[in-house]
C-alpha atoms as a PDB file:
ATOM      1  CA  ALA A   1       0.343   7.055 -15.410  1.00  0.00           C
ATOM      2  CA  VAL A   2       4.045   7.911 -15.300  1.00  0.00           C
ATOM      3  CA  TRP A   3       5.070   4.340 -16.104  1.00  0.00           C
ATOM      4  CA  ALA A   4       2.404   3.575 -18.706  1.00  0.00           C
ATOM      5  CA  ASP A   5       5.139   3.362 -21.364  1.00  0.00           C
ATOM      6  CA  GLY A   6       7.495   1.367 -19.126  1.00  0.00           C
ATOM      7  CA  PRO A   7       7.259  -1.823 -21.244  1.00  0.00           C
ATOM      8  CA  ASP A   8       8.385   0.179 -24.284  1.00  0.00           C
ATOM      9  CA  ARG A   9      11.233   1.855 -22.426  1.00  0.00           C
ATOM     10  CA  ILE A  10      12.682  -1.413 -21.173  1.00  0.00           C
ATOM     11  CA  THR A  11      13.149  -2.706 -24.736  1.00  0.00           C
ATOM     12  CA  GLN A  12      15.472   0.191 -25.629  1.00  0.00           C
ATOM     13  CA  SER A  13      18.998  -0.688 -26.741  1.00  0.00           C
ATOM     14  CA  THR A  14      20.771   2.257 -25.075  1.00  0.00           C
ATOM     15  CA  THR A  15      22.641   1.604 -21.822  1.00  0.00           C
ATOM     16  CA  ALA A  16      21.746   4.228 -19.235  1.00  0.00           C
ATOM     17  CA  ALA A  17      24.250   6.648 -17.710  1.00  0.00           C
ATOM     18  CA  TRP A  18      23.070   7.140 -14.132  1.00  0.00           C
ATOM     19  CA  SER A  19      24.196   7.606 -10.537  1.00  0.00           C
ATOM     20  CA  GLY A  20      22.369   7.937  -7.257  1.00  0.00           C
ATOM     21  CA  ASP A  21      22.299   7.461  -3.508  1.00  0.00           C
ATOM     22  CA  VAL A  22      19.931   4.562  -2.790  1.00  0.00           C
ATOM     23  CA  PRO A  23      18.459   3.464   0.564  1.00  0.00           C
ATOM     24  CA  THR A  24      19.990   0.033   1.215  1.00  0.00           C
ATOM     25  CA  ALA A  25      16.686  -1.367   2.509  1.00  0.00           C
ATOM     26  CA  LEU A  26      14.947  -0.368  -0.745  1.00  0.00           C
ATOM     27  CA  LEU A  27      17.403  -2.305  -2.912  1.00  0.00           C
ATOM     28  CA  GLN A  28      17.393  -5.258  -0.535  1.00  0.00           C
ATOM     29  CA  GLN A  29      13.593  -5.429  -0.656  1.00  0.00           C
ATOM     30  CA  LEU A  30      13.722  -5.390  -4.456  1.00  0.00           C
ATOM     31  CA  CYS A  31      16.275  -8.207  -4.501  1.00  0.00           C
ATOM     32  CA  ASN A  32      14.288 -10.266  -1.996  1.00  0.00           C
ATOM     33  CA  HIS A  33      11.226 -10.173  -4.263  1.00  0.00           C
ATOM     34  CA  LEU A  34      13.191 -11.091  -7.386  1.00  0.00           C
ATOM     35  CA  THR A  35      15.816 -13.634  -6.392  1.00  0.00           C
ATOM     36  CA  PRO A  36      13.521 -16.588  -5.659  1.00  0.00           C
ATOM     37  CA  GLU A  37      12.366 -16.608  -9.287  1.00  0.00           C
ATOM     38  CA  VAL A  38      14.863 -14.780 -11.518  1.00  0.00           C
ATOM     39  CA  SER A  39      18.603 -14.111 -11.627  1.00  0.00           C
ATOM     40  CA  GLU A  40      18.934 -11.508 -14.383  1.00  0.00           C
ATOM     41  CA  VAL A  41      16.885  -8.347 -14.920  1.00  0.00           C
ATOM     42  CA  LYS A  42      16.710  -5.320 -17.158  1.00  0.00           C
ATOM     43  CA  ILE A  43      15.951  -1.969 -15.519  1.00  0.00           C
ATOM     44  CA  ALA A  44      14.717   1.020 -17.514  1.00  0.00           C
ATOM     45  CA  ILE A  45      16.075   4.271 -16.061  1.00  0.00           C
ATOM     46  CA  ASN A  46      14.939   7.815 -16.776  1.00  0.00           C
ATOM     47  CA  ASP A  47      14.141  11.023 -14.889  1.00  0.00           C
ATOM     48  CA  ASP A  48      11.061   9.425 -13.282  1.00  0.00           C
ATOM     49  CA  GLY A  49      12.905   6.495 -11.701  1.00  0.00           C
ATOM     50  CA  TRP A  50      13.474   2.782 -12.355  1.00  0.00           C
ATOM     51  CA  PHE A  51      11.056   0.461 -14.152  1.00  0.00           C
ATOM     52  CA  ILE A  52      11.527  -3.312 -13.920  1.00  0.00           C
ATOM     53  CA  SER A  53       9.708  -6.039 -15.836  1.00  0.00           C
ATOM     54  CA  VAL A  54      10.959  -9.624 -15.922  1.00  0.00           C
ATOM     55  CA  VAL A  55       9.700 -13.215 -16.252  1.00  0.00           C
ATOM     56  CA  ASP A  56      11.199 -16.379 -14.793  1.00  0.00           C
ATOM     57  CA  SER A  57      12.965 -18.969 -16.938  1.00  0.00           C
ATOM     58  CA  ALA A  58       9.807 -21.087 -17.183  1.00  0.00           C
ATOM     59  CA  ASN A  59       7.871 -18.079 -18.494  1.00  0.00           C
ATOM     60  CA  VAL A  60       5.299 -18.599 -15.735  1.00  0.00           C
ATOM     61  CA  CYS A  61       5.861 -15.821 -13.208  1.00  0.00           C
ATOM     62  CA  MET A  62       6.098 -12.122 -14.121  1.00  0.00           C
ATOM     63  CA  PHE A  63       7.436  -9.427 -11.827  1.00  0.00           C
ATOM     64  CA  ARG A  64       6.761  -5.792 -12.702  1.00  0.00           C
ATOM     65  CA  THR A  65       7.375  -2.743 -10.530  1.00  0.00           C
ATOM     66  CA  TRP A  66       8.837   0.758 -10.481  1.00  0.00           C
ATOM     67  CA  LEU A  67      10.889   2.794  -8.049  1.00  0.00           C
ATOM     68  CA  ASP A  68      10.148   6.508  -8.191  1.00  0.00           C
ATOM     69  CA  ALA A  69      13.102   8.873  -8.267  1.00  0.00           C
ATOM     70  CA  ALA A  70      11.722  10.485  -5.089  1.00  0.00           C
ATOM     71  CA  GLU A  71      12.509   7.288  -3.169  1.00  0.00           C
ATOM     72  CA  PHE A  72      16.234   7.784  -3.805  1.00  0.00           C
ATOM     73  CA  LYS A  73      18.289  10.165  -1.646  1.00  0.00           C
ATOM     74  CA  GLN A  74      20.104  11.409  -4.766  1.00  0.00           C
ATOM     75  CA  TYR A  75      19.170  10.697  -8.352  1.00  0.00           C
ATOM     76  CA  ASN A  76      21.132  11.852 -11.411  1.00  0.00           C
ATOM     77  CA  VAL A  77      20.390  10.813 -14.995  1.00  0.00           C
ATOM     78  CA  GLU A  78      22.900  11.719 -17.692  1.00  0.00           C
ATOM     79  CA  THR A  79      21.464   9.436 -20.378  1.00  0.00           C
ATOM     80  CA  PRO A  80      18.083   7.664 -20.063  1.00  0.00           C
ATOM     81  CA  GLY A  81      18.260   4.032 -21.052  1.00  0.00           C
ATOM     82  CA  VAL A  82      18.433   0.499 -19.692  1.00  0.00           C
ATOM     83  CA  MET A  83      20.849  -1.537 -17.596  1.00  0.00           C
ATOM     84  CA  ALA A  84      20.975  -5.319 -17.287  1.00  0.00           C
ATOM     85  CA  VAL A  85      22.366  -6.869 -14.122  1.00  0.00           C
ATOM     86  CA  ASN A  86      22.589 -10.185 -12.304  1.00  0.00           C
ATOM     87  CA  ILE A  87      20.242  -9.596  -9.375  1.00  0.00           C
ATOM     88  CA  GLU A  88      21.846 -12.405  -7.344  1.00  0.00           C
ATOM     89  CA  ASP A  89      25.229 -10.650  -7.545  1.00  0.00           C
ATOM     90  CA  LEU A  90      23.568  -7.403  -6.473  1.00  0.00           C
ATOM     91  CA  ALA A  91      21.841  -9.101  -3.530  1.00  0.00           C
ATOM     92  CA  GLU A  92      25.112 -10.716  -2.424  1.00  0.00           C
ATOM     93  CA  THR A  93      26.913  -7.369  -2.578  1.00  0.00           C
ATOM     94  CA  LEU A  94      24.189  -5.614  -0.594  1.00  0.00           C
ATOM     95  CA  SER A  95      24.357  -8.273   2.126  1.00  0.00           C
ATOM     96  CA  HIS A  96      27.881  -7.043   2.943  1.00  0.00           C
ATOM     97  CA  THR A  97      27.271  -3.290   2.787  1.00  0.00           C
ATOM     98  CA  ARG A  98      27.194  -0.960   5.783  1.00  0.00           C
ATOM     99  CA  GLY A  99      25.011   2.050   6.467  1.00  0.00           C
ATOM    100  CA  GLU A 100      21.504   3.111   5.537  1.00  0.00           C
ATOM    101  CA  SER A 101      22.317   3.961   1.918  1.00  0.00           C
ATOM    102  CA  VAL A 102      24.795   3.127  -0.836  1.00  0.00           C
ATOM    103  CA  THR A 103      26.031   5.114  -3.801  1.00  0.00           C
ATOM    104  CA  VAL A 104      25.281   3.329  -7.069  1.00  0.00           C
ATOM    105  CA  SER A 105      26.522   4.366 -10.504  1.00  0.00           C
ATOM    106  CA  ILE A 106      26.970   2.987 -14.005  1.00  0.00           C
ATOM    107  CA  LYS A 107      30.526   3.270 -15.351  1.00  0.00           C
ATOM    108  CA  ASP A 108      31.474   2.999 -19.021  1.00  0.00           C
ATOM    109  CA  SER A 109      28.202   1.204 -19.854  1.00  0.00           C
ATOM    110  CA  GLU A 110      29.773  -2.028 -18.628  1.00  0.00           C
ATOM    111  CA  THR A 111      30.054  -1.870 -14.847  1.00  0.00           C
ATOM    112  CA  LEU A 112      27.797  -1.116 -11.893  1.00  0.00           C
ATOM    113  CA  LEU A 113      29.620   0.469  -8.954  1.00  0.00           C
ATOM    114  CA  ILE A 114      28.346  -0.024  -5.387  1.00  0.00           C
ATOM    115  CA  ASP A 115      30.025   2.237  -2.821  1.00  0.00           C
ATOM    116  CA  ASP A 116      29.383   2.272   0.922  1.00  0.00           C
ATOM    117  CA  GLY A 117      32.840   3.616   1.773  1.00  0.00           C
ATOM    118  CA  SER A 118      34.570   0.872  -0.160  1.00  0.00           C
ATOM    119  CA  THR A 119      33.727   0.204  -3.805  1.00  0.00           C
ATOM    120  CA  VAL A 120      32.490  -3.080  -5.263  1.00  0.00           C
ATOM    121  CA  THR A 121      32.006  -3.561  -9.013  1.00  0.00           C
ATOM    122  CA  ILE A 122      29.388  -5.735 -10.684  1.00  0.00           C
ATOM    123  CA  PRO A 123      29.684  -6.340 -14.443  1.00  0.00           C
ATOM    124  CA  LEU A 124      26.606  -5.315 -16.392  1.00  0.00           C
ATOM    125  CA  LEU A 125      25.107  -7.864 -18.763  1.00  0.00           C
ATOM    126  CA  PRO A 126      24.543  -7.315 -22.490  1.00  0.00           C
ATOM    127  CA  LEU A 127      21.030  -5.927 -22.931  1.00  0.00           C
ATOM    128  CA  GLU A 128      20.258  -8.417 -25.692  1.00  0.00           C
ATOM    129  CA  SER A 129      21.065 -11.367 -23.410  1.00  0.00           C
ATOM    130  CA  ILE A 130      17.831 -10.914 -21.444  1.00  0.00           C
ATOM    131  CA  ARG A 131      14.568 -11.616 -23.229  1.00  0.00           C
ATOM    132  CA  ASP A 132      11.784  -9.065 -23.279  1.00  0.00           C
ATOM    133  CA  THR A 133       8.674  -9.748 -21.240  1.00  0.00           C
ATOM    134  CA  PRO A 134       5.364 -10.453 -23.021  1.00  0.00           C
ATOM    135  CA  ASP A 135       2.701  -7.779 -23.264  1.00  0.00           C
ATOM    136  CA  ILE A 136      -0.011  -7.845 -20.612  1.00  0.00           C
ATOM    137  CA  PRO A 137      -3.479  -7.247 -22.080  1.00  0.00           C
ATOM    138  CA  ASP A 138      -5.627  -4.517 -20.593  1.00  0.00           C
ATOM    139  CA  ASN A 139      -8.261  -6.242 -18.493  1.00  0.00           C
ATOM    140  CA  THR A 140     -11.237  -4.825 -16.662  1.00  0.00           C
ATOM    141  CA  ILE A 141     -11.446  -6.610 -13.321  1.00  0.00           C
ATOM    142  CA  ASN A 142     -14.828  -6.173 -11.664  1.00  0.00           C
ATOM    143  CA  GLN A 143     -13.767  -7.607  -8.335  1.00  0.00           C
ATOM    144  CA  THR A 144     -10.627  -7.033  -6.318  1.00  0.00           C
ATOM    145  CA  LEU A 145      -9.630  -8.260  -2.882  1.00  0.00           C
ATOM    146  CA  THR A 146      -6.590  -7.088  -0.950  1.00  0.00           C
ATOM    147  CA  LEU A 147      -4.883  -9.690   1.220  1.00  0.00           C
ATOM    148  CA  PRO A 148      -1.815  -9.452   3.473  1.00  0.00           C
ATOM    149  CA  GLY A 149       1.322 -10.638   1.699  1.00  0.00           C
ATOM    150  CA  ASN A 150       2.382 -12.850   4.603  1.00  0.00           C
ATOM    151  CA  GLU A 151      -0.984 -14.644   4.499  1.00  0.00           C
ATOM    152  CA  LEU A 152      -0.643 -15.357   0.779  1.00  0.00           C
ATOM    153  CA  HIS A 153       2.918 -16.529   1.346  1.00  0.00           C
ATOM    154  CA  THR A 154       1.680 -19.082   3.886  1.00  0.00           C
ATOM    155  CA  VAL A 155      -1.074 -20.352   1.574  1.00  0.00           C
ATOM    156  CA  PHE A 156       1.246 -20.814  -1.399  1.00  0.00           C
ATOM    157  CA  GLU A 157       3.983 -22.339   0.733  1.00  0.00           C
ATOM    158  CA  ARG A 158       1.568 -25.040   1.934  1.00  0.00           C
ATOM    159  CA  ILE A 159       0.213 -25.660  -1.543  1.00  0.00           C
ATOM    160  CA  HIS A 160       3.720 -25.957  -2.979  1.00  0.00           C
ATOM    161  CA  GLU A 161       4.417 -28.916  -0.705  1.00  0.00           C
ATOM    162  CA  PHE A 162       2.206 -31.195  -2.804  1.00  0.00           C
ATOM    163  CA  ALA A 163       0.974 -29.358  -5.917  1.00  0.00           C
ATOM    164  CA  ASP A 164       2.525 -27.459  -8.817  1.00  0.00           C
ATOM    165  CA  ASN A 165      -0.566 -25.499  -9.814  1.00  0.00           C
ATOM    166  CA  VAL A 166      -3.246 -23.504  -8.044  1.00  0.00           C
ATOM    167  CA  VAL A 167      -6.667 -22.432  -9.308  1.00  0.00           C
ATOM    168  CA  ILE A 168      -7.874 -19.014  -8.152  1.00  0.00           C
ATOM    169  CA  ARG A 169     -11.625 -18.495  -8.436  1.00  0.00           C
ATOM    170  CA  SER A 170     -13.528 -15.257  -7.932  1.00  0.00           C
ATOM    171  CA  ASP A 171     -17.140 -15.332  -6.746  1.00  0.00           C
ATOM    172  CA  GLY A 172     -18.737 -11.953  -7.410  1.00  0.00           C
ATOM    173  CA  GLU A 173     -22.047 -12.812  -5.780  1.00  0.00           C
ATOM    174  CA  ARG A 174     -20.416 -13.859  -2.510  1.00  0.00           C
ATOM    175  CA  ASN A 175     -17.605 -11.278  -2.801  1.00  0.00           C
ATOM    176  CA  ALA A 176     -15.097 -14.075  -2.198  1.00  0.00           C
ATOM    177  CA  VAL A 177     -11.937 -15.497  -3.695  1.00  0.00           C
ATOM    178  CA  THR A 178     -10.930 -19.159  -3.398  1.00  0.00           C
ATOM    179  CA  PHE A 179      -7.552 -20.855  -3.817  1.00  0.00           C
ATOM    180  CA  GLU A 180      -7.752 -24.528  -4.809  1.00  0.00           C
ATOM    181  CA  ALA A 181      -5.028 -27.115  -5.364  1.00  0.00           C
ATOM    182  CA  ASP A 182      -5.020 -30.888  -5.466  1.00  0.00           C
ATOM    183  CA  SER A 183      -2.758 -33.838  -6.135  1.00  0.00           C
ATOM    184  CA  ASP A 184      -2.987 -37.625  -5.939  1.00  0.00           C
ATOM    185  CA  GLU A 185      -2.460 -37.374  -2.201  1.00  0.00           C
ATOM    186  CA  CYS A 186      -4.657 -34.544  -0.975  1.00  0.00           C
ATOM    187  CA  GLU A 187      -6.670 -31.445  -1.784  1.00  0.00           C
ATOM    188  CA  VAL A 188      -6.601 -28.018  -0.210  1.00  0.00           C
ATOM    189  CA  VAL A 189      -9.146 -25.214  -0.475  1.00  0.00           C
ATOM    190  CA  LYS A 190      -8.756 -21.803   1.140  1.00  0.00           C
ATOM    191  CA  GLN A 191     -11.464 -19.151   0.773  1.00  0.00           C
ATOM    192  CA  TYR A 192     -11.365 -15.468   1.700  1.00  0.00           C
ATOM    193  CA  SER A 193     -14.564 -13.455   1.833  1.00  0.00           C
ATOM    194  CA  ASP A 194     -13.892 -10.743   4.392  1.00  0.00           C
ATOM    195  CA  ALA A 195     -11.361  -9.529   6.936  1.00  0.00           C
ATOM    196  CA  GLY A 196     -12.609 -12.086   9.435  1.00  0.00           C
ATOM    197  CA  ASP A 197     -11.197 -14.883   7.312  1.00  0.00           C
ATOM    198  CA  LEU A 198      -7.733 -13.515   7.784  1.00  0.00           C
ATOM    199  CA  VAL A 199      -7.882 -13.883  11.561  1.00  0.00           C
ATOM    200  CA  THR A 200      -8.147 -17.666  11.572  1.00  0.00           C
END
């Protein structure tokens, strides 16, 4: 896979030299996924695109994804490397931009420029200020089940009202997955076994 060595790339100590024309919705979607859990991220940049791997401050939740260069309207790499940025500052800047795309560039290894007709600068963070994410072991998963993201969001939102932890069980014989959580006050169990479960 193109990003198989992404975890190694993101630990590099060289700040990238890069510029591109990015669809605003693409960056906003990235920020929306990250900002509930993390505020600072490192992004590995090379000719293939962006690779992002970050954990929250409690070291509980990991977010890992990549944006292929083909998803950008323009994509120019002078020096492959890494940039570190406050994702909350980026999200706030994007909330005030106009148009379907913005021009983004790294200046002097210290500043991220966002230009939608007027230019906003965001200071880049020192690469060493953001901890590296732990390695994820290679696992062979015999059973997978694809669920709509909005359905999972609803389940976890309800669980979060009374519990801090959730147990996810896989039942290979029944081809089902079950989410379980309990507290001193109540217990909730939600099981998915086929598409019909997602209708109710």
